[in-house]
């Protein structure tokens, strides 16, 4: 009997140990996956050189993960992710925002960062796919040498005949900054705040006429063209424009008095990527207190984490007028319709 009890005790002890080991193994699948991944990551980015360098350099140093950057415009990167759908070569798309990407969210992996709760209420990951990290408000960049006698404070000022052919504007179908600038004008000029009203598109027709039928192929060429004196003004986003001011270029940043769009530029993991655990670390790192604070203090990008201060050379957020009726979900659903209508008006102007 004693032998039987001893044998049963050994069996039970062995079973308990096996259960414990099995439980430990099942509770750490992410750690096991991460351990199996190479310490590499491929990031498709349309962000500025200064932001890329700060975030990625620190990420490599703090995690030991080597990052390969592929830098291009938003439209080109979107097309690349779509073309690689069956064999993704990238892990992260760091470009655009939900309004630009929502219609193709099947290309991305669902992931909500552990840092999401620390982000501003308006900039949490509500979709499950897109994690807003920094804000790129719409602005007008103005070359001070070329506009000494030309007021540029409002969207209406862009219709001044003295600026005809001197306005840099990208293609809203391929440039997130151009699309957001178009939205800002539509919301500003729409009847009763309706961006699709006839009144809004009458203003667009007048702007197209003053563009002299010319769109800029690259969003980067918009702010560069103004800073270099090729154009007098440009419709762009704040980061590069404020960076020119910071570095002493003869330009100024204008937030139109009618209002600005304040999109939360996001980071997303490409579905089926080869390094998903490293990609999750990258998203978490970008939203971390360390990086959000460092960007706020050193660069010209607006962090979206709560209670992060901006550098003195940035326009105070409180002084920027925003559109209270701006509806990101509506914009996401109607992006194609908006760009199609813009193209119709552009083609009509050329006849």
C-alpha atoms as a PDB file:
ATOM      1  CA  UNK A   1       0.000   0.000   0.000  1.00  0.00           C
ATOM      2  CA  UNK A   2       2.829   2.329   0.895  1.00  0.00           C
ATOM      3  CA  UNK A   3       4.511   1.542  -2.420  1.00  0.00           C
ATOM      4  CA  UNK A   4       1.249   2.341  -4.263  1.00  0.00           C
ATOM      5  CA  UNK A   5       0.864   5.710  -2.475  1.00  0.00           C
ATOM      6  CA  UNK A   6       4.502   6.553  -3.210  1.00  0.00           C
ATOM      7  CA  UNK A   7       4.055   5.672  -6.888  1.00  0.00           C
ATOM      8  CA  UNK A   8       0.895   7.776  -7.149  1.00  0.00           C
ATOM      9  CA  UNK A   9       2.671  10.718  -5.504  1.00  0.00           C
ATOM     10  CA  UNK A  10       5.435  10.516  -8.109  1.00  0.00           C
ATOM     11  CA  UNK A  11       2.887  10.391 -10.959  1.00  0.00           C
ATOM     12  CA  UNK A  12       0.911  13.340  -9.577  1.00  0.00           C
ATOM     13  CA  UNK A  13       4.072  15.362  -9.037  1.00  0.00           C
ATOM     14  CA  UNK A  14       5.158  14.654 -12.591  1.00  0.00           C
ATOM     15  CA  UNK A  15       1.739  15.632 -13.948  1.00  0.00           C
ATOM     16  CA  UNK A  16       1.752  18.868 -11.947  1.00  0.00           C
ATOM     17  CA  UNK A  17       5.227  19.775 -13.164  1.00  0.00           C
ATOM     18  CA  UNK A  18       4.200  19.068 -16.751  1.00  0.00           C
ATOM     19  CA  UNK A  19       1.125  21.254 -16.379  1.00  0.00           C
ATOM     20  CA  UNK A  20       3.204  24.068 -14.924  1.00  0.00           C
ATOM     21  CA  UNK A  21       5.740  23.864 -17.714  1.00  0.00           C
ATOM     22  CA  UNK A  22       2.986  23.685 -20.297  1.00  0.00           C
ATOM     23  CA  UNK A  23       1.303  26.712 -18.728  1.00  0.00           C
ATOM     24  CA  UNK A  24       4.537  28.698 -18.776  1.00  0.00           C
ATOM     25  CA  UNK A  25       5.047  27.902 -22.437  1.00  0.00           C
ATOM     26  CA  UNK A  26       1.529  28.960 -23.435  1.00  0.00           C
ATOM     27  CA  UNK A  27       1.723  32.240 -21.489  1.00  0.00           C
ATOM     28  CA  UNK A  28       4.745  33.548 -23.383  1.00  0.00           C
ATOM     29  CA  UNK A  29       4.076  32.901 -27.090  1.00  0.00           C
ATOM     30  CA  UNK A  30       4.955  36.480 -28.024  1.00  0.00           C
ATOM     31  CA  UNK A  31       8.327  36.229 -26.267  1.00  0.00           C
ATOM     32  CA  UNK A  32       9.034  32.967 -28.079  1.00  0.00           C
ATOM     33  CA  UNK A  33       8.069  34.491 -31.433  1.00  0.00           C
ATOM     34  CA  UNK A  34      10.199  37.551 -30.755  1.00  0.00           C
ATOM     35  CA  UNK A  35      13.165  35.357 -29.862  1.00  0.00           C
ATOM     36  CA  UNK A  36      12.806  33.527 -33.161  1.00  0.00           C
ATOM     37  CA  UNK A  37      12.734  36.707 -35.278  1.00  0.00           C
ATOM     38  CA  UNK A  38      15.885  38.217 -36.702  1.00  0.00           C
ATOM     39  CA  UNK A  39      16.686  41.541 -35.061  1.00  0.00           C
ATOM     40  CA  UNK A  40      15.836  43.457 -38.221  1.00  0.00           C
ATOM     41  CA  UNK A  41      12.931  45.608 -39.389  1.00  0.00           C
ATOM     42  CA  UNK A  42      12.023  47.249 -42.706  1.00  0.00           C
ATOM     43  CA  UNK A  43      10.223  50.582 -42.408  1.00  0.00           C
ATOM     44  CA  UNK A  44       8.503  52.268 -45.353  1.00  0.00           C
ATOM     45  CA  UNK A  45       8.441  55.952 -44.409  1.00  0.00           C
ATOM     46  CA  UNK A  46       7.234  59.203 -45.928  1.00  0.00           C
ATOM     47  CA  UNK A  47       8.223  61.221 -42.879  1.00  0.00           C
ATOM     48  CA  UNK A  48      10.884  63.933 -42.735  1.00  0.00           C
ATOM     49  CA  UNK A  49      14.586  63.112 -42.521  1.00  0.00           C
ATOM     50  CA  UNK A  50      14.881  64.670 -39.057  1.00  0.00           C
ATOM     51  CA  UNK A  51      11.970  62.651 -37.650  1.00  0.00           C
ATOM     52  CA  UNK A  52      13.133  59.436 -39.305  1.00  0.00           C
ATOM     53  CA  UNK A  53      16.624  59.857 -37.933  1.00  0.00           C
ATOM     54  CA  UNK A  54      15.583  60.689 -34.372  1.00  0.00           C
ATOM     55  CA  UNK A  55      13.063  57.867 -33.982  1.00  0.00           C
ATOM     56  CA  UNK A  56      14.921  55.148 -35.871  1.00  0.00           C
ATOM     57  CA  UNK A  57      18.401  55.904 -34.512  1.00  0.00           C
ATOM     58  CA  UNK A  58      17.114  55.731 -30.934  1.00  0.00           C
ATOM     59  CA  UNK A  59      15.045  52.615 -31.653  1.00  0.00           C
ATOM     60  CA  UNK A  60      18.106  50.800 -33.008  1.00  0.00           C
ATOM     61  CA  UNK A  61      20.226  51.893 -30.047  1.00  0.00           C
ATOM     62  CA  UNK A  62      17.657  50.942 -27.400  1.00  0.00           C
ATOM     63  CA  UNK A  63      16.449  47.640 -28.896  1.00  0.00           C
ATOM     64  CA  UNK A  64      19.377  46.320 -30.912  1.00  0.00           C
ATOM     65  CA  UNK A  65      17.036  45.897 -33.889  1.00  0.00           C
ATOM     66  CA  UNK A  66      18.563  47.025 -37.185  1.00  0.00           C
ATOM     67  CA  UNK A  67      16.209  49.111 -39.314  1.00  0.00           C
ATOM     68  CA  UNK A  68      16.253  49.352 -43.092  1.00  0.00           C
ATOM     69  CA  UNK A  69      14.461  52.495 -44.244  1.00  0.00           C
ATOM     70  CA  UNK A  70      12.709  52.848 -47.590  1.00  0.00           C
ATOM     71  CA  UNK A  71      11.917  56.552 -48.052  1.00  0.00           C
ATOM     72  CA  UNK A  72       9.373  57.730 -50.620  1.00  0.00           C
ATOM     73  CA  UNK A  73       6.156  59.724 -50.971  1.00  0.00           C
ATOM     74  CA  UNK A  74       2.922  58.552 -49.400  1.00  0.00           C
ATOM     75  CA  UNK A  75       1.276  57.567 -52.681  1.00  0.00           C
ATOM     76  CA  UNK A  76       4.278  55.577 -53.878  1.00  0.00           C
ATOM     77  CA  UNK A  77       4.540  53.705 -50.577  1.00  0.00           C
ATOM     78  CA  UNK A  78       0.822  52.890 -50.533  1.00  0.00           C
ATOM     79  CA  UNK A  79       1.123  51.412 -54.010  1.00  0.00           C
ATOM     80  CA  UNK A  80       4.189  49.450 -52.970  1.00  0.00           C
ATOM     81  CA  UNK A  81       2.436  47.892 -49.969  1.00  0.00           C
ATOM     82  CA  UNK A  82      -0.528  46.970 -52.186  1.00  0.00           C
ATOM     83  CA  UNK A  83       1.682  45.444 -54.882  1.00  0.00           C
ATOM     84  CA  UNK A  84       3.513  43.349 -52.273  1.00  0.00           C
ATOM     85  CA  UNK A  85       0.302  42.123 -50.651  1.00  0.00           C
ATOM     86  CA  UNK A  86       1.053  38.437 -51.316  1.00  0.00           C
ATOM     87  CA  UNK A  87       4.697  38.729 -50.256  1.00  0.00           C
ATOM     88  CA  UNK A  88       5.288  41.774 -48.038  1.00  0.00           C
ATOM     89  CA  UNK A  89       8.859  43.042 -48.099  1.00  0.00           C
ATOM     90  CA  UNK A  90       8.203  45.757 -45.535  1.00  0.00           C
ATOM     91  CA  UNK A  91       7.112  45.480 -41.905  1.00  0.00           C
ATOM     92  CA  UNK A  92       5.974  49.018 -41.110  1.00  0.00           C
ATOM     93  CA  UNK A  93       4.230  51.702 -43.151  1.00  0.00           C
ATOM     94  CA  UNK A  94       4.901  55.068 -41.540  1.00  0.00           C
ATOM     95  CA  UNK A  95       2.905  57.383 -43.757  1.00  0.00           C
ATOM     96  CA  UNK A  96      -0.462  59.128 -44.006  1.00  0.00           C
ATOM     97  CA  UNK A  97      -3.343  58.662 -41.571  1.00  0.00           C
ATOM     98  CA  UNK A  98      -6.618  56.815 -41.244  1.00  0.00           C
ATOM     99  CA  UNK A  99      -8.379  59.022 -43.788  1.00  0.00           C
ATOM    100  CA  UNK A 100      -5.856  58.031 -46.450  1.00  0.00           C
ATOM    101  CA  UNK A 101      -5.556  54.364 -45.493  1.00  0.00           C
ATOM    102  CA  UNK A 102      -8.931  53.227 -44.166  1.00  0.00           C
ATOM    103  CA  UNK A 103     -10.146  51.918 -47.524  1.00  0.00           C
ATOM    104  CA  UNK A 104      -7.130  49.600 -47.717  1.00  0.00           C
ATOM    105  CA  UNK A 105      -6.951  48.476 -44.088  1.00  0.00           C
ATOM    106  CA  UNK A 106      -6.972  44.848 -45.283  1.00  0.00           C
ATOM    107  CA  UNK A 107      -3.274  45.465 -46.031  1.00  0.00           C
ATOM    108  CA  UNK A 108      -2.509  46.011 -42.353  1.00  0.00           C
ATOM    109  CA  UNK A 109      -2.372  43.920 -39.205  1.00  0.00           C
ATOM    110  CA  UNK A 110      -4.615  44.677 -36.255  1.00  0.00           C
ATOM    111  CA  UNK A 111      -2.586  46.005 -33.345  1.00  0.00           C
ATOM    112  CA  UNK A 112      -3.297  48.446 -30.523  1.00  0.00           C
ATOM    113  CA  UNK A 113      -0.174  49.558 -28.695  1.00  0.00           C
ATOM    114  CA  UNK A 114       0.317  49.147 -24.978  1.00  0.00           C
ATOM    115  CA  UNK A 115       1.001  52.912 -25.001  1.00  0.00           C
ATOM    116  CA  UNK A 116      -2.364  53.777 -26.580  1.00  0.00           C
ATOM    117  CA  UNK A 117      -3.983  54.753 -23.266  1.00  0.00           C
ATOM    118  CA  UNK A 118      -1.400  57.540 -22.850  1.00  0.00           C
ATOM    119  CA  UNK A 119      -2.300  59.284 -26.105  1.00  0.00           C
ATOM    120  CA  UNK A 120      -4.627  62.274 -26.365  1.00  0.00           C
ATOM    121  CA  UNK A 121      -8.290  61.333 -26.407  1.00  0.00           C
ATOM    122  CA  UNK A 122      -8.726  62.420 -30.024  1.00  0.00           C
ATOM    123  CA  UNK A 123      -5.670  60.465 -31.113  1.00  0.00           C
ATOM    124  CA  UNK A 124      -6.199  56.976 -29.785  1.00  0.00           C
ATOM    125  CA  UNK A 125      -6.227  53.935 -32.060  1.00  0.00           C
ATOM    126  CA  UNK A 126      -9.985  53.603 -32.513  1.00  0.00           C
ATOM    127  CA  UNK A 127      -9.794  51.511 -35.679  1.00  0.00           C
ATOM    128  CA  UNK A 128      -7.573  48.735 -34.338  1.00  0.00           C
ATOM    129  CA  UNK A 129      -5.154  49.256 -37.247  1.00  0.00           C
ATOM    130  CA  UNK A 130      -3.836  52.826 -37.266  1.00  0.00           C
ATOM    131  CA  UNK A 131      -1.848  54.304 -34.351  1.00  0.00           C
ATOM    132  CA  UNK A 132      -1.662  58.120 -34.510  1.00  0.00           C
ATOM    133  CA  UNK A 133       1.813  59.182 -33.399  1.00  0.00           C
ATOM    134  CA  UNK A 134       2.428  62.788 -34.436  1.00  0.00           C
ATOM    135  CA  UNK A 135       0.300  65.576 -35.877  1.00  0.00           C
ATOM    136  CA  UNK A 136       0.963  67.335 -39.139  1.00  0.00           C
ATOM    137  CA  UNK A 137      -1.427  70.308 -39.254  1.00  0.00           C
ATOM    138  CA  UNK A 138      -2.125  71.910 -42.617  1.00  0.00           C
ATOM    139  CA  UNK A 139      -0.330  75.229 -43.189  1.00  0.00           C
ATOM    140  CA  UNK A 140       0.623  77.711 -45.866  1.00  0.00           C
ATOM    141  CA  UNK A 141       4.365  78.208 -46.267  1.00  0.00           C
ATOM    142  CA  UNK A 142       5.181  81.721 -47.467  1.00  0.00           C
ATOM    143  CA  UNK A 143       8.402  83.022 -49.012  1.00  0.00           C
ATOM    144  CA  UNK A 144       8.847  86.409 -47.342  1.00  0.00           C
ATOM    145  CA  UNK A 145      11.103  87.780 -50.098  1.00  0.00           C
ATOM    146  CA  UNK A 146       8.485  87.135 -52.789  1.00  0.00           C
ATOM    147  CA  UNK A 147       5.424  88.324 -50.865  1.00  0.00           C
ATOM    148  CA  UNK A 148       6.594  91.548 -49.249  1.00  0.00           C
ATOM    149  CA  UNK A 149       3.566  93.446 -50.634  1.00  0.00           C
ATOM    150  CA  UNK A 150       1.159  90.491 -50.833  1.00  0.00           C
ATOM    151  CA  UNK A 151      -0.896  89.560 -47.752  1.00  0.00           C
ATOM    152  CA  UNK A 152      -1.134  85.818 -47.131  1.00  0.00           C
ATOM    153  CA  UNK A 153      -3.136  85.052 -44.004  1.00  0.00           C
ATOM    154  CA  UNK A 154      -6.258  83.350 -45.347  1.00  0.00           C
ATOM    155  CA  UNK A 155      -7.320  80.919 -48.052  1.00  0.00           C
ATOM    156  CA  UNK A 156      -8.984  83.829 -49.853  1.00  0.00           C
ATOM    157  CA  UNK A 157      -5.569  85.476 -50.128  1.00  0.00           C
ATOM    158  CA  UNK A 158      -4.487  82.595 -52.376  1.00  0.00           C
ATOM    159  CA  UNK A 159      -6.866  83.896 -55.056  1.00  0.00           C
ATOM    160  CA  UNK A 160      -4.890  87.138 -55.409  1.00  0.00           C
ATOM    161  CA  UNK A 161      -4.005  87.563 -59.137  1.00  0.00           C
ATOM    162  CA  UNK A 162      -0.490  88.565 -58.026  1.00  0.00           C
ATOM    163  CA  UNK A 163       0.034  84.911 -56.976  1.00  0.00           C
ATOM    164  CA  UNK A 164      -1.101  83.350 -60.253  1.00  0.00           C
ATOM    165  CA  UNK A 165       1.308  80.583 -61.210  1.00  0.00           C
ATOM    166  CA  UNK A 166       3.293  81.141 -58.005  1.00  0.00           C
ATOM    167  CA  UNK A 167       1.397  78.691 -55.752  1.00  0.00           C
ATOM    168  CA  UNK A 168       2.827  75.228 -55.072  1.00  0.00           C
ATOM    169  CA  UNK A 169       0.202  72.522 -54.522  1.00  0.00           C
ATOM    170  CA  UNK A 170       0.509  68.732 -54.745  1.00  0.00           C
ATOM    171  CA  UNK A 171      -1.841  66.100 -56.151  1.00  0.00           C
ATOM    172  CA  UNK A 172      -4.525  65.257 -53.544  1.00  0.00           C
ATOM    173  CA  UNK A 173      -4.889  61.751 -54.996  1.00  0.00           C
ATOM    174  CA  UNK A 174      -1.268  60.854 -54.214  1.00  0.00           C
ATOM    175  CA  UNK A 175      -0.137  63.259 -51.511  1.00  0.00           C
ATOM    176  CA  UNK A 176      -1.573  63.089 -47.990  1.00  0.00           C
ATOM    177  CA  UNK A 177      -0.519  66.690 -47.281  1.00  0.00           C
ATOM    178  CA  UNK A 178      -2.206  67.962 -50.469  1.00  0.00           C
ATOM    179  CA  UNK A 179      -5.350  65.981 -49.651  1.00  0.00           C
ATOM    180  CA  UNK A 180      -5.463  67.427 -46.128  1.00  0.00           C
ATOM    181  CA  UNK A 181      -4.913  70.945 -47.490  1.00  0.00           C
ATOM    182  CA  UNK A 182      -7.766  70.402 -49.944  1.00  0.00           C
ATOM    183  CA  UNK A 183      -9.969  69.268 -47.045  1.00  0.00           C
ATOM    184  CA  UNK A 184      -9.073  72.367 -45.043  1.00  0.00           C
ATOM    185  CA  UNK A 185     -10.190  74.597 -47.915  1.00  0.00           C
ATOM    186  CA  UNK A 186     -13.386  72.603 -48.473  1.00  0.00           C
ATOM    187  CA  UNK A 187     -14.348  72.815 -44.801  1.00  0.00           C
ATOM    188  CA  UNK A 188     -13.455  76.511 -44.722  1.00  0.00           C
ATOM    189  CA  UNK A 189     -15.492  77.454 -47.782  1.00  0.00           C
ATOM    190  CA  UNK A 190     -18.354  74.960 -47.630  1.00  0.00           C
ATOM    191  CA  UNK A 191     -21.838  76.318 -47.009  1.00  0.00           C
ATOM    192  CA  UNK A 192     -22.831  75.648 -43.396  1.00  0.00           C
ATOM    193  CA  UNK A 193     -19.576  73.719 -43.000  1.00  0.00           C
ATOM    194  CA  UNK A 194     -20.447  71.207 -45.726  1.00  0.00           C
ATOM    195  CA  UNK A 195     -17.186  70.361 -47.568  1.00  0.00           C
ATOM    196  CA  UNK A 196     -19.075  68.949 -50.554  1.00  0.00           C
ATOM    197  CA  UNK A 197     -21.328  71.963 -51.086  1.00  0.00           C
ATOM    198  CA  UNK A 198     -21.221  73.848 -54.386  1.00  0.00           C
ATOM    199  CA  UNK A 199     -19.776  76.883 -52.622  1.00  0.00           C
ATOM    200  CA  UNK A 200     -16.755  74.875 -51.502  1.00  0.00           C
ATOM    201  CA  UNK A 201     -16.041  73.662 -55.017  1.00  0.00           C
ATOM    202  CA  UNK A 202     -16.498  77.117 -56.518  1.00  0.00           C
ATOM    203  CA  UNK A 203     -13.568  78.163 -54.345  1.00  0.00           C
ATOM    204  CA  UNK A 204     -11.576  75.143 -55.588  1.00  0.00           C
ATOM    205  CA  UNK A 205     -12.241  76.215 -59.186  1.00  0.00           C
ATOM    206  CA  UNK A 206     -10.881  79.667 -58.436  1.00  0.00           C
ATOM    207  CA  UNK A 207      -7.794  78.212 -56.765  1.00  0.00           C
ATOM    208  CA  UNK A 208      -7.139  75.865 -59.693  1.00  0.00           C
ATOM    209  CA  UNK A 209      -7.311  78.862 -62.022  1.00  0.00           C
ATOM    210  CA  UNK A 210      -4.712  80.662 -59.910  1.00  0.00           C
ATOM    211  CA  UNK A 211      -2.508  77.550 -59.912  1.00  0.00           C
ATOM    212  CA  UNK A 212      -2.367  78.079 -63.657  1.00  0.00           C
ATOM    213  CA  UNK A 213      -3.136  74.389 -64.178  1.00  0.00           C
ATOM    214  CA  UNK A 214       0.008  73.197 -62.443  1.00  0.00           C
ATOM    215  CA  UNK A 215       0.230  70.524 -59.728  1.00  0.00           C
ATOM    216  CA  UNK A 216       3.475  69.438 -58.048  1.00  0.00           C
ATOM    217  CA  UNK A 217       4.282  65.730 -58.365  1.00  0.00           C
ATOM    218  CA  UNK A 218       6.139  65.487 -55.047  1.00  0.00           C
ATOM    219  CA  UNK A 219       4.842  66.795 -51.717  1.00  0.00           C
ATOM    220  CA  UNK A 220       8.449  67.485 -50.702  1.00  0.00           C
ATOM    221  CA  UNK A 221       8.900  69.701 -53.743  1.00  0.00           C
ATOM    222  CA  UNK A 222       6.118  71.987 -52.488  1.00  0.00           C
ATOM    223  CA  UNK A 223       7.865  73.329 -49.391  1.00  0.00           C
ATOM    224  CA  UNK A 224      11.305  73.118 -51.007  1.00  0.00           C
ATOM    225  CA  UNK A 225      10.087  75.106 -54.006  1.00  0.00           C
ATOM    226  CA  UNK A 226       8.863  77.905 -51.734  1.00  0.00           C
ATOM    227  CA  UNK A 227      12.001  77.928 -49.586  1.00  0.00           C
ATOM    228  CA  UNK A 228      14.164  78.059 -52.733  1.00  0.00           C
ATOM    229  CA  UNK A 229      12.163  80.939 -54.198  1.00  0.00           C
ATOM    230  CA  UNK A 230      10.672  78.965 -57.084  1.00  0.00           C
ATOM    231  CA  UNK A 231       7.180  79.625 -55.701  1.00  0.00           C
ATOM    232  CA  UNK A 232       5.820  82.408 -53.512  1.00  0.00           C
ATOM    233  CA  UNK A 233       3.524  80.231 -51.388  1.00  0.00           C
ATOM    234  CA  UNK A 234       2.735  76.560 -50.937  1.00  0.00           C
ATOM    235  CA  UNK A 235       0.057  74.394 -49.340  1.00  0.00           C
ATOM    236  CA  UNK A 236       1.865  71.900 -47.177  1.00  0.00           C
ATOM    237  CA  UNK A 237       2.175  70.511 -43.641  1.00  0.00           C
ATOM    238  CA  UNK A 238       3.788  72.107 -40.618  1.00  0.00           C
ATOM    239  CA  UNK A 239       6.862  69.945 -39.977  1.00  0.00           C
ATOM    240  CA  UNK A 240       9.048  70.902 -42.972  1.00  0.00           C
ATOM    241  CA  UNK A 241       7.737  74.469 -43.042  1.00  0.00           C
ATOM    242  CA  UNK A 242       8.533  75.070 -39.360  1.00  0.00           C
ATOM    243  CA  UNK A 243      11.911  73.420 -39.845  1.00  0.00           C
ATOM    244  CA  UNK A 244      12.819  76.005 -42.496  1.00  0.00           C
ATOM    245  CA  UNK A 245      11.891  78.747 -40.019  1.00  0.00           C
ATOM    246  CA  UNK A 246      13.944  77.073 -37.290  1.00  0.00           C
ATOM    247  CA  UNK A 247      16.976  77.003 -39.602  1.00  0.00           C
ATOM    248  CA  UNK A 248      16.679  80.642 -40.694  1.00  0.00           C
ATOM    249  CA  UNK A 249      15.203  80.312 -44.200  1.00  0.00           C
ATOM    250  CA  UNK A 250      13.303  83.367 -45.526  1.00  0.00           C
ATOM    251  CA  UNK A 251       9.889  81.782 -44.998  1.00  0.00           C
ATOM    252  CA  UNK A 252       7.063  81.955 -42.498  1.00  0.00           C
ATOM    253  CA  UNK A 253       4.378  79.494 -41.458  1.00  0.00           C
ATOM    254  CA  UNK A 254       0.748  80.577 -41.742  1.00  0.00           C
ATOM    255  CA  UNK A 255      -2.172  78.816 -40.118  1.00  0.00           C
ATOM    256  CA  UNK A 256      -5.084  80.194 -42.194  1.00  0.00           C
ATOM    257  CA  UNK A 257      -7.536  82.242 -40.176  1.00  0.00           C
ATOM    258  CA  UNK A 258     -10.419  80.143 -41.498  1.00  0.00           C
ATOM    259  CA  UNK A 259      -8.972  77.030 -39.873  1.00  0.00           C
ATOM    260  CA  UNK A 260      -6.642  74.057 -40.218  1.00  0.00           C
ATOM    261  CA  UNK A 261      -6.966  70.281 -40.335  1.00  0.00           C
ATOM    262  CA  UNK A 262      -5.069  68.552 -37.550  1.00  0.00           C
ATOM    263  CA  UNK A 263      -4.599  64.934 -38.710  1.00  0.00           C
ATOM    264  CA  UNK A 264      -2.948  62.346 -36.513  1.00  0.00           C
ATOM    265  CA  UNK A 265      -0.301  60.895 -38.820  1.00  0.00           C
ATOM    266  CA  UNK A 266      -0.156  57.225 -37.982  1.00  0.00           C
ATOM    267  CA  UNK A 267       2.079  54.166 -38.001  1.00  0.00           C
ATOM    268  CA  UNK A 268       0.781  50.749 -39.027  1.00  0.00           C
ATOM    269  CA  UNK A 269       2.036  47.170 -39.270  1.00  0.00           C
ATOM    270  CA  UNK A 270       1.881  45.552 -42.696  1.00  0.00           C
ATOM    271  CA  UNK A 271      -0.229  42.398 -42.700  1.00  0.00           C
ATOM    272  CA  UNK A 272       1.785  39.236 -43.260  1.00  0.00           C
ATOM    273  CA  UNK A 273       5.097  41.008 -42.610  1.00  0.00           C
ATOM    274  CA  UNK A 274       8.166  38.947 -41.778  1.00  0.00           C
ATOM    275  CA  UNK A 275       8.926  40.604 -38.424  1.00  0.00           C
ATOM    276  CA  UNK A 276       5.602  41.292 -36.668  1.00  0.00           C
ATOM    277  CA  UNK A 277       6.993  41.229 -33.118  1.00  0.00           C
ATOM    278  CA  UNK A 278       9.725  43.715 -33.984  1.00  0.00           C
ATOM    279  CA  UNK A 279       7.062  45.821 -35.700  1.00  0.00           C
ATOM    280  CA  UNK A 280       4.962  45.883 -32.515  1.00  0.00           C
ATOM    281  CA  UNK A 281       8.017  47.067 -30.585  1.00  0.00           C
ATOM    282  CA  UNK A 282       8.490  49.857 -33.116  1.00  0.00           C
ATOM    283  CA  UNK A 283       4.896  51.077 -32.732  1.00  0.00           C
ATOM    284  CA  UNK A 284       5.165  50.966 -28.927  1.00  0.00           C
ATOM    285  CA  UNK A 285       8.482  52.795 -29.038  1.00  0.00           C
ATOM    286  CA  UNK A 286       7.148  55.574 -31.251  1.00  0.00           C
ATOM    287  CA  UNK A 287       4.321  56.270 -28.806  1.00  0.00           C
ATOM    288  CA  UNK A 288       6.570  56.021 -25.746  1.00  0.00           C
ATOM    289  CA  UNK A 289       7.070  58.932 -23.361  1.00  0.00           C
ATOM    290  CA  UNK A 290      10.785  59.104 -24.217  1.00  0.00           C
ATOM    291  CA  UNK A 291      10.318  59.571 -27.957  1.00  0.00           C
ATOM    292  CA  UNK A 292       7.215  61.764 -27.784  1.00  0.00           C
ATOM    293  CA  UNK A 293       8.975  64.154 -25.379  1.00  0.00           C
ATOM    294  CA  UNK A 294      12.222  64.185 -27.356  1.00  0.00           C
ATOM    295  CA  UNK A 295      10.409  64.978 -30.598  1.00  0.00           C
ATOM    296  CA  UNK A 296       8.438  67.753 -28.898  1.00  0.00           C
ATOM    297  CA  UNK A 297      11.595  69.386 -27.527  1.00  0.00           C
ATOM    298  CA  UNK A 298      13.918  68.990 -30.513  1.00  0.00           C
ATOM    299  CA  UNK A 299      11.927  68.846 -33.754  1.00  0.00           C
ATOM    300  CA  UNK A 300       9.074  70.601 -35.553  1.00  0.00           C
ATOM    301  CA  UNK A 301       6.500  67.818 -35.238  1.00  0.00           C
ATOM    302  CA  UNK A 302       3.602  67.823 -32.781  1.00  0.00           C
ATOM    303  CA  UNK A 303       3.581  64.795 -30.444  1.00  0.00           C
ATOM    304  CA  UNK A 304       0.162  63.340 -29.630  1.00  0.00           C
ATOM    305  CA  UNK A 305       0.919  61.856 -26.218  1.00  0.00           C
ATOM    306  CA  UNK A 306      -0.792  63.618 -23.302  1.00  0.00           C
ATOM    307  CA  UNK A 307       1.072  66.376 -21.427  1.00  0.00           C
ATOM    308  CA  UNK A 308       4.036  66.697 -23.800  1.00  0.00           C
ATOM    309  CA  UNK A 309       5.411  70.227 -24.196  1.00  0.00           C
ATOM    310  CA  UNK A 310       6.444  71.846 -27.478  1.00  0.00           C
ATOM    311  CA  UNK A 311       9.601  73.815 -28.250  1.00  0.00           C
ATOM    312  CA  UNK A 312       9.378  77.614 -28.094  1.00  0.00           C
ATOM    313  CA  UNK A 313       9.728  77.997 -31.881  1.00  0.00           C
ATOM    314  CA  UNK A 314       6.451  76.117 -32.516  1.00  0.00           C
ATOM    315  CA  UNK A 315       3.097  77.887 -32.867  1.00  0.00           C
ATOM    316  CA  UNK A 316       1.123  77.268 -29.654  1.00  0.00           C
ATOM    317  CA  UNK A 317      -1.617  74.735 -30.293  1.00  0.00           C
ATOM    318  CA  UNK A 318      -4.134  76.932 -28.487  1.00  0.00           C
ATOM    319  CA  UNK A 319      -3.709  79.669 -31.126  1.00  0.00           C
ATOM    320  CA  UNK A 320      -4.555  77.379 -34.057  1.00  0.00           C
ATOM    321  CA  UNK A 321      -8.172  77.432 -35.200  1.00  0.00           C
ATOM    322  CA  UNK A 322      -9.530  73.964 -35.978  1.00  0.00           C
ATOM    323  CA  UNK A 323     -12.741  72.930 -37.700  1.00  0.00           C
ATOM    324  CA  UNK A 324     -15.141  71.776 -35.017  1.00  0.00           C
ATOM    325  CA  UNK A 325     -17.196  69.810 -37.543  1.00  0.00           C
ATOM    326  CA  UNK A 326     -14.235  67.940 -39.074  1.00  0.00           C
ATOM    327  CA  UNK A 327     -15.246  64.273 -39.225  1.00  0.00           C
ATOM    328  CA  UNK A 328     -12.331  61.890 -39.764  1.00  0.00           C
ATOM    329  CA  UNK A 329     -14.537  58.835 -40.281  1.00  0.00           C
ATOM    330  CA  UNK A 330     -16.604  60.677 -42.909  1.00  0.00           C
ATOM    331  CA  UNK A 331     -13.436  61.790 -44.664  1.00  0.00           C
ATOM    332  CA  UNK A 332     -12.081  58.225 -44.671  1.00  0.00           C
ATOM    333  CA  UNK A 333     -15.239  56.892 -46.294  1.00  0.00           C
ATOM    334  CA  UNK A 334     -15.409  59.690 -48.863  1.00  0.00           C
ATOM    335  CA  UNK A 335     -11.735  60.129 -49.756  1.00  0.00           C
ATOM    336  CA  UNK A 336     -12.085  58.588 -53.213  1.00  0.00           C
ATOM    337  CA  UNK A 337     -15.165  60.676 -53.977  1.00  0.00           C
ATOM    338  CA  UNK A 338     -13.378  63.853 -52.890  1.00  0.00           C
ATOM    339  CA  UNK A 339     -10.269  63.213 -54.989  1.00  0.00           C
ATOM    340  CA  UNK A 340     -12.396  62.138 -57.975  1.00  0.00           C
ATOM    341  CA  UNK A 341     -14.364  65.377 -57.794  1.00  0.00           C
ATOM    342  CA  UNK A 342     -11.156  67.399 -57.555  1.00  0.00           C
ATOM    343  CA  UNK A 343      -9.861  65.671 -60.689  1.00  0.00           C
ATOM    344  CA  UNK A 344     -13.120  66.483 -62.491  1.00  0.00           C
ATOM    345  CA  UNK A 345     -12.720  70.157 -61.663  1.00  0.00           C
ATOM    346  CA  UNK A 346      -9.041  70.057 -62.642  1.00  0.00           C
ATOM    347  CA  UNK A 347      -9.842  68.491 -66.029  1.00  0.00           C
ATOM    348  CA  UNK A 348     -12.670  70.966 -66.600  1.00  0.00           C
ATOM    349  CA  UNK A 349     -10.244  73.846 -66.061  1.00  0.00           C
ATOM    350  CA  UNK A 350      -7.997  72.555 -68.835  1.00  0.00           C
ATOM    351  CA  UNK A 351     -10.684  72.528 -71.538  1.00  0.00           C
END
